Protein backbone atom coordinates (compact mmCIF):
# COMPACT_ATOMS: atom_id res chain seq x y z
CA UNK A 1 -0.09 0.28 0.21
CA UNK A 2 1.05 3.69 -0.52
CA UNK A 3 0.52 6.50 1.81
CA UNK A 4 0.84 10.13 0.81
CA UNK A 5 1.75 12.74 3.01
CA UNK A 6 3.14 15.63 1.12
CA UNK A 7 3.34 16.38 -3.52
CA UNK A 8 6.83 16.71 -2.90
CA UNK A 9 8.64 12.68 -3.47
CA UNK A 10 10.65 11.86 -1.34
CA UNK A 11 9.74 7.69 -0.89
CA UNK A 12 10.41 4.79 2.39
CA UNK A 13 9.24 1.62 2.23
CA UNK A 14 8.66 0.65 6.47
CA UNK A 15 6.87 -1.95 7.93
CA UNK A 16 3.17 -1.75 9.60
CA UNK A 17 2.04 -5.48 10.31
CA UNK A 18 3.81 -8.53 9.30
CA UNK A 19 4.08 -9.31 6.16
CA UNK A 20 2.91 -6.13 4.78
CA UNK A 21 4.58 -3.26 3.70
CA UNK A 22 4.04 0.46 3.55
CA UNK A 23 5.19 3.00 1.17
CA UNK A 24 5.05 6.48 2.57
CA UNK A 25 5.43 9.68 -0.04
CA UNK A 26 6.35 12.43 2.51
CA UNK A 27 7.70 16.16 2.30
CA UNK A 28 11.74 16.00 1.46
CA UNK A 29 13.16 15.92 5.13
CA UNK A 30 16.00 18.65 6.36
CA UNK A 31 18.62 17.59 8.67
CA UNK A 32 19.03 18.61 12.19
CA UNK A 33 21.79 20.59 13.14
CA UNK A 34 24.00 17.50 13.91
CA UNK A 35 23.00 15.65 11.56
CA UNK A 36 22.93 15.02 7.75
CA UNK A 37 20.28 13.94 5.04
CA UNK A 38 21.98 10.90 2.76
CA UNK A 39 20.24 10.60 -1.36
CA UNK A 40 20.20 6.95 -0.50
CA UNK A 41 22.42 4.68 -3.30
CA UNK A 42 21.86 1.09 -2.65
CA UNK A 43 20.62 -0.75 0.59
CA UNK A 44 21.47 -4.24 1.07
CA UNK A 45 19.03 -6.62 2.11
CA UNK A 46 19.69 -8.91 5.16
CA UNK A 47 18.50 -11.46 7.34
CA UNK A 48 17.12 -9.22 9.54
CA UNK A 49 15.72 -7.31 6.98
CA UNK A 50 13.68 -10.39 5.94
CA UNK A 51 13.38 -11.59 9.49
CA UNK A 52 11.63 -8.11 10.11
CA UNK A 53 8.99 -8.09 6.73
CA UNK A 54 8.01 -11.92 8.88
CA UNK A 55 7.71 -10.52 12.28
CA UNK A 56 7.56 -6.21 11.97
CA UNK A 57 9.03 -6.37 15.06
CA UNK A 58 12.63 -4.27 14.17
CA UNK A 59 13.23 -1.00 15.59
CA UNK A 60 12.13 1.52 12.47
CA UNK A 61 15.77 2.16 11.43
CA UNK A 62 17.18 -1.17 11.24
CA UNK A 63 14.57 -2.47 8.21
CA UNK A 64 17.22 -1.07 5.52
CA UNK A 65 20.56 -1.09 7.74
CA UNK A 66 23.28 -1.48 5.26
CA UNK A 67 23.04 1.77 3.29
CA UNK A 68 25.22 3.90 1.22
CA UNK A 69 24.42 7.23 -0.66
CA UNK A 70 25.51 10.89 -1.17
CA UNK A 71 25.12 13.45 1.19
CA UNK A 72 22.53 16.08 0.00
CA UNK A 73 22.08 18.38 3.06
CA UNK A 74 24.13 19.14 6.31
CA UNK A 75 23.38 20.67 9.88
CA UNK A 76 24.19 23.71 10.57
CA UNK A 77 26.86 21.89 13.30
CA UNK A 78 28.36 19.23 11.30
CA UNK A 79 32.01 19.04 10.43
CA UNK A 80 32.76 15.91 9.52
CA UNK A 81 31.01 15.66 6.17
CA UNK A 82 30.03 18.00 3.07
CA UNK A 83 27.41 17.77 0.60
CA UNK A 84 28.25 15.86 -2.21
CA UNK A 85 30.39 12.82 -0.30
CA UNK A 86 29.93 9.51 -0.68
CA UNK A 87 29.08 7.74 2.86
CA UNK A 88 27.87 4.34 4.95
CA UNK A 89 25.79 3.33 7.09
CA UNK A 90 27.44 3.09 10.66
CA UNK A 91 28.26 4.00 14.14
CA UNK A 92 30.14 7.13 15.66
CA UNK A 93 33.27 7.17 17.41
CA UNK A 94 33.19 6.46 21.35
CA UNK A 95 31.31 8.83 23.60
CA UNK A 96 33.20 9.27 26.41
CA UNK A 97 30.43 10.01 28.64
CA UNK A 98 28.41 7.00 29.11
CA UNK A 99 29.24 4.64 31.87
CA UNK A 100 31.06 1.77 29.44
CA UNK A 101 33.37 4.93 28.43
CA UNK A 102 33.69 6.70 32.01
CA UNK A 103 34.68 3.17 33.19
CA UNK A 104 37.32 2.63 30.43
CA UNK A 105 35.48 0.20 28.25
CA UNK A 106 35.26 2.72 25.28
CA UNK A 107 35.27 -0.19 23.00
CA UNK A 108 32.10 -1.37 24.03
CA UNK A 109 30.93 2.58 24.34
CA UNK A 110 26.86 2.58 25.09
CA UNK A 111 25.61 5.26 21.86
CA UNK A 112 27.89 4.03 19.34
CA UNK A 113 25.94 0.36 20.27
CA UNK A 114 22.91 2.00 20.64
CA UNK A 115 23.25 3.77 17.21
CA UNK A 116 24.24 -0.01 15.67
CA UNK A 117 21.09 -1.37 17.19
CA UNK A 118 18.85 1.45 15.92
CA UNK A 119 17.53 2.95 19.11
CA UNK A 120 18.93 6.08 19.87
CA UNK A 121 16.88 9.03 21.10
CA UNK A 122 17.54 10.37 16.92
CA UNK A 123 17.43 6.78 15.63
CA UNK A 124 15.59 7.76 11.85
CA UNK A 125 12.37 7.23 11.36
CA UNK A 126 12.70 4.66 8.89
CA UNK A 127 15.83 2.53 7.00
CA UNK A 128 17.50 2.75 3.76
CA UNK A 129 14.94 1.46 1.79
CA UNK A 130 14.55 5.18 0.85
CA UNK A 131 15.08 7.62 -1.45
CA UNK A 132 16.18 9.97 1.46
CA UNK A 133 17.02 9.40 4.91
CA UNK A 134 17.77 11.96 7.86
CA UNK A 135 20.58 10.92 9.97
CA UNK A 136 22.77 11.23 12.80
CA UNK A 137 26.35 12.73 10.93
CA UNK A 138 27.65 10.81 13.22
CA UNK A 139 26.37 7.50 11.47
CA UNK A 140 27.44 8.86 8.07
CA UNK A 141 31.23 7.26 7.65
CA UNK A 142 32.54 8.75 4.22
CA UNK A 143 33.99 5.94 1.65
CA UNK A 144 37.28 5.56 0.46
CA UNK A 145 37.05 6.97 -3.62
CA UNK A 146 38.32 3.89 -4.45
CA UNK A 147 35.36 1.76 -3.42
CA UNK A 148 32.67 1.42 -6.17
CA UNK A 149 28.32 2.41 -5.26
CA UNK A 150 28.46 -1.08 -4.97
CA UNK A 151 30.87 -1.86 -2.94
CA UNK A 152 30.23 0.84 -0.40
CA UNK A 153 27.07 -0.91 0.11
CA UNK A 154 27.83 -4.06 1.13
CA UNK A 155 30.28 -2.23 3.42
CA UNK A 156 28.24 -3.00 6.68
CA UNK A 157 28.35 -6.87 6.48
CA UNK A 158 31.53 -7.07 6.05
CA UNK A 159 32.83 -4.69 8.94
CA UNK A 160 29.85 -6.74 10.79
CA UNK A 161 32.43 -9.85 10.03
CA UNK A 162 35.36 -7.72 10.24
CA UNK A 163 34.93 -7.17 14.48
CA UNK A 164 34.05 -10.55 14.84
CA UNK A 165 36.54 -12.47 13.62
CA UNK A 166 38.95 -9.43 15.68
CA UNK A 167 36.99 -10.41 18.77
CA UNK A 168 38.07 -14.53 18.33
CA UNK A 169 41.85 -12.80 18.52
CA UNK A 170 42.95 -15.61 15.77
CA UNK A 171 46.13 -16.81 15.78
CA UNK A 172 48.09 -17.26 12.90
CA UNK A 173 48.21 -20.98 11.19
CA UNK A 174 44.45 -21.22 13.83
CA UNK A 175 42.63 -24.25 12.48
CA UNK A 176 39.23 -22.42 11.66
CA UNK A 177 35.57 -23.73 10.62
CA UNK A 178 33.20 -21.14 9.41
CA UNK A 179 29.86 -22.62 9.49
CA UNK A 180 27.51 -21.29 6.81
CA UNK A 181 28.56 -19.70 3.45
CA UNK A 182 26.33 -16.95 3.28
CA UNK A 183 27.18 -13.59 2.66
CA UNK A 184 28.36 -13.20 6.61
CA UNK A 185 29.93 -16.55 6.62
CA UNK A 186 31.83 -15.81 3.10
CA UNK A 187 32.61 -12.58 4.26
CA UNK A 188 33.96 -13.80 7.84
CA UNK A 189 36.02 -16.53 5.96
CA UNK A 190 37.79 -14.04 3.93
CA UNK A 191 38.97 -12.03 7.06
CA UNK A 192 39.57 -14.90 8.61
CA UNK A 193 41.85 -15.84 6.22
CA UNK A 194 43.51 -12.23 5.94
CA UNK A 195 44.04 -12.58 10.01
CA UNK A 196 46.24 -15.49 9.64
CA UNK A 197 44.26 -18.59 9.14
CA UNK A 198 45.69 -21.94 8.73
CA UNK A 199 43.75 -24.79 7.14
CA UNK A 200 39.57 -23.14 7.05
CA UNK A 201 36.87 -25.46 6.53
CA UNK A 202 33.55 -24.04 5.51
CA UNK A 203 30.67 -26.23 6.22
CA UNK A 204 27.42 -25.69 3.65
CA UNK A 205 24.59 -27.83 2.55
CA UNK A 206 23.52 -25.33 -0.11
CA UNK A 207 25.55 -26.10 -2.87
CA UNK A 208 25.09 -22.72 -4.93
CA UNK A 209 26.50 -21.52 -1.82
CA UNK A 210 28.98 -23.70 -1.72
CA UNK A 211 30.16 -22.82 -5.15
CA UNK A 212 30.31 -19.62 -4.12
CA UNK A 213 32.96 -20.20 -1.26
CA UNK A 214 34.84 -22.08 -3.92
CA UNK A 215 34.90 -19.41 -6.41
CA UNK A 216 36.43 -17.22 -4.14
CA UNK A 217 39.53 -19.61 -3.75
CA UNK A 218 38.30 -21.59 -0.63
CA UNK A 219 39.79 -25.18 -1.44
CA UNK A 220 38.17 -27.55 1.69
CA UNK A 221 34.11 -26.38 1.49
CA UNK A 222 31.59 -29.17 2.28
CA UNK A 223 28.27 -30.26 3.25
CA UNK A 224 28.06 -30.47 7.03
CA UNK A 225 27.22 -34.43 6.84
CA UNK A 226 31.40 -34.38 5.54
CA UNK A 227 32.72 -31.81 7.88
CA UNK A 228 33.47 -33.98 11.55
CA UNK A 229 35.24 -36.60 9.33
CA UNK A 230 37.00 -33.29 7.57
CA UNK A 231 38.00 -31.55 10.41
CA UNK A 232 38.85 -34.71 12.70
CA UNK A 233 41.51 -35.66 9.87
CA UNK A 234 42.82 -31.94 10.05
CA UNK A 235 43.77 -31.75 13.21
CA UNK A 236 43.95 -35.69 14.25
CA UNK A 237 41.31 -35.39 15.72
CA UNK A 238 41.44 -32.80 18.48
CA UNK A 239 39.41 -30.35 16.95
CA UNK A 240 38.83 -27.11 15.65
CA UNK A 241 41.21 -24.25 17.26
CA UNK A 242 38.03 -21.23 16.28
CA UNK A 243 34.68 -22.20 14.77
CA UNK A 244 32.50 -19.02 13.55
CA UNK A 245 28.79 -20.20 13.87
CA UNK A 246 27.43 -18.04 10.93
CA UNK A 247 24.08 -19.67 10.96
CA UNK A 248 21.95 -18.74 13.60
CA UNK A 249 20.36 -21.79 13.68
CA UNK A 250 19.67 -22.60 17.62
CA UNK A 251 19.94 -26.54 17.57
CA UNK A 252 23.45 -26.06 16.06
CA UNK A 253 24.42 -24.49 18.51
CA UNK A 254 25.97 -27.39 21.29
CA UNK A 255 27.12 -29.94 17.98
CA UNK A 256 29.22 -26.55 16.73
CA UNK A 257 30.60 -26.32 20.08
CA UNK A 258 31.63 -30.32 20.11
CA UNK A 259 33.53 -29.15 16.81
CA UNK A 260 35.59 -27.34 19.06
CA UNK A 261 39.02 -29.00 20.48
CA UNK A 262 39.56 -28.27 23.93
CA UNK A 263 40.64 -24.90 25.16
CA UNK A 264 39.24 -23.67 21.76
CA UNK A 265 36.56 -20.82 21.06
CA UNK A 266 33.76 -20.81 19.51
CA UNK A 267 32.49 -17.78 17.88
CA UNK A 268 28.83 -16.39 17.43
CA UNK A 269 27.71 -14.37 14.75
CA UNK A 270 24.44 -15.82 13.56
CA UNK A 271 21.65 -14.83 15.74
CA UNK A 272 19.01 -17.53 16.76
CA UNK A 273 15.31 -16.66 16.49
CA UNK A 274 14.54 -19.41 19.45
CA UNK A 275 16.21 -20.31 22.60
CA UNK A 276 19.34 -22.54 22.52
CA UNK A 277 20.20 -26.27 24.89
CA UNK A 278 23.80 -26.50 25.32
CA UNK A 279 25.47 -28.70 27.67
CA UNK A 280 27.02 -26.48 30.54
CA UNK A 281 29.20 -29.10 31.46
CA UNK A 282 30.29 -30.08 28.34
CA UNK A 283 31.53 -25.91 27.41
CA UNK A 284 33.16 -26.06 31.71
CA UNK A 285 35.00 -28.85 31.80
CA UNK A 286 36.59 -28.89 27.74
CA UNK A 287 37.39 -24.68 29.08
CA UNK A 288 35.59 -23.55 25.62
CA UNK A 289 36.18 -19.41 25.17
CA UNK A 290 32.78 -18.35 24.05
CA UNK A 291 32.49 -14.50 22.40
CA UNK A 292 29.81 -13.57 21.19
CA UNK A 293 29.68 -10.50 18.48
CA UNK A 294 26.74 -8.34 17.27
CA UNK A 295 27.18 -5.41 15.26
CA UNK A 296 30.62 -3.27 15.26
CA UNK A 297 32.13 -0.19 16.49
CA UNK A 298 33.28 2.86 15.00
CA UNK A 299 37.29 1.50 14.01
CA UNK A 300 36.20 -1.60 12.80
CA UNK A 301 34.86 0.56 9.36
CA UNK A 302 38.23 2.08 8.82
CA UNK A 303 40.50 -0.96 8.56
CA UNK A 304 37.17 -3.27 6.82
CA UNK A 305 37.08 -0.95 3.48
CA UNK A 306 41.03 -0.29 3.56
CA UNK A 307 41.04 -4.27 2.85
CA UNK A 308 38.13 -3.65 0.60
CA UNK A 309 39.60 -0.86 -1.33
CA UNK A 310 42.85 -3.18 -1.48
CA UNK A 311 41.16 -6.45 -2.88
CA UNK A 312 42.33 -8.52 0.38
CA UNK A 313 38.41 -8.96 1.11
CA UNK A 314 35.78 -9.41 -2.40
CA UNK A 315 32.43 -8.24 -1.40
CA UNK A 316 31.59 -7.53 -5.53
CA UNK A 317 31.03 -11.38 -6.21
CA UNK A 318 28.36 -11.81 -3.13
CA UNK A 319 26.11 -9.02 -5.44
CA UNK A 320 23.47 -11.67 -6.81
CA UNK A 321 20.70 -8.73 -8.01
CA UNK A 322 19.42 -5.25 -8.02
CA UNK A 323 15.68 -4.31 -7.32
CA UNK A 324 13.95 -1.04 -6.74
CA UNK A 325 11.56 -0.64 -4.05
CA UNK A 326 8.11 -1.61 -5.66
CA UNK A 327 10.16 -5.03 -5.86
CA UNK A 328 10.74 -5.55 -2.61
CA UNK A 329 8.05 -7.35 -0.90
CA UNK A 330 8.69 -9.79 -3.56
CA UNK A 331 11.94 -9.84 -3.19
CA UNK A 332 11.18 -10.41 1.25
CA UNK A 333 9.22 -13.86 -0.06
CA UNK A 334 11.32 -15.28 -1.99
CA UNK A 335 14.49 -14.94 0.83
CA UNK A 336 12.00 -15.73 3.02
CA UNK A 337 11.13 -18.71 1.29
CA UNK A 338 14.85 -20.69 1.66
CA UNK A 339 14.92 -21.25 -1.77
CA UNK A 340 16.01 -18.36 -3.39
CA UNK A 341 19.82 -18.66 -5.04
CA UNK A 342 20.69 -14.73 -4.23
CA UNK A 343 23.56 -13.83 -2.02
CA UNK A 344 23.08 -9.78 -1.32
CA UNK A 345 20.33 -8.55 -3.10
CA UNK A 346 20.69 -4.48 -3.42
CA UNK A 347 18.11 -2.01 -3.49
CA UNK A 348 18.40 1.30 -6.07
CA UNK A 349 15.72 3.20 -4.74
CA UNK A 350 16.12 5.48 -8.65
CA UNK A 351 14.77 2.34 -10.57
């Protein structure tokens, strides 16, 4: 459905009920004194958006959070970006005044975390499935000239996975398992390879996704049933030094932990929608390190952008389709069906 609020066409799509999207045409927004208006170039669709389509339960700013575009207006107090500059969605630097920052934990700044989750007081009233977006200047991160618009649009998931691999503190030569070869899994595997992984095994049930992993240069790409045997052969039965769980399938949490060697690390990226049953005694007796990872910090963006610009991380190959705003609901239905062969679909609101 479409709702008109003004004759001036600035358009966005948001969810008003499970599987019910509304297109709103409104007056062109103006920036807050500390904010900017971004003309959206592309906005990626991720699994979080698909869940939001099915449940309509996301914060409004999160539905369409993988955006890039060009700054078209800046507030009077803004000094970090200029009109005409390309930017991507991100989070600001540590604020220095929240409880985490005051306690010396700036890498876990409360403000940056709230920005990443779209729950600040000044969060946008909608996400990047739009022609224009009014947002805090803290969240608009300039794009390196070397990156194409399509690469910039894939910065957000690339930064999510950089953050997760950095948190896992890989040692050079580690035996690494990446469970799941969707966009998050493929980006995690690339960051792990760049970060010094030795033997790297990817487990994925989908043949097209296994082919995508192979095309990225990964040689140990297996179906889940074959993973335990390959891992045992590779480690003399020890198990993985680090396993990145990228599927978000709750039932896989304990089986994933059992593939990690005693003293190894289970790194969690996939976000399950239901509770998981695990063996606490198993984790404790084997002294597993379990690391959760959600979103990113400001400094993660600079490192990730440089890796993409230098060709060390390939995001282009993940881009499998581009659609317009009018095709969004049909694409959500396809992605939610579980049968789509798409990796990363970008929405171009100019189409």
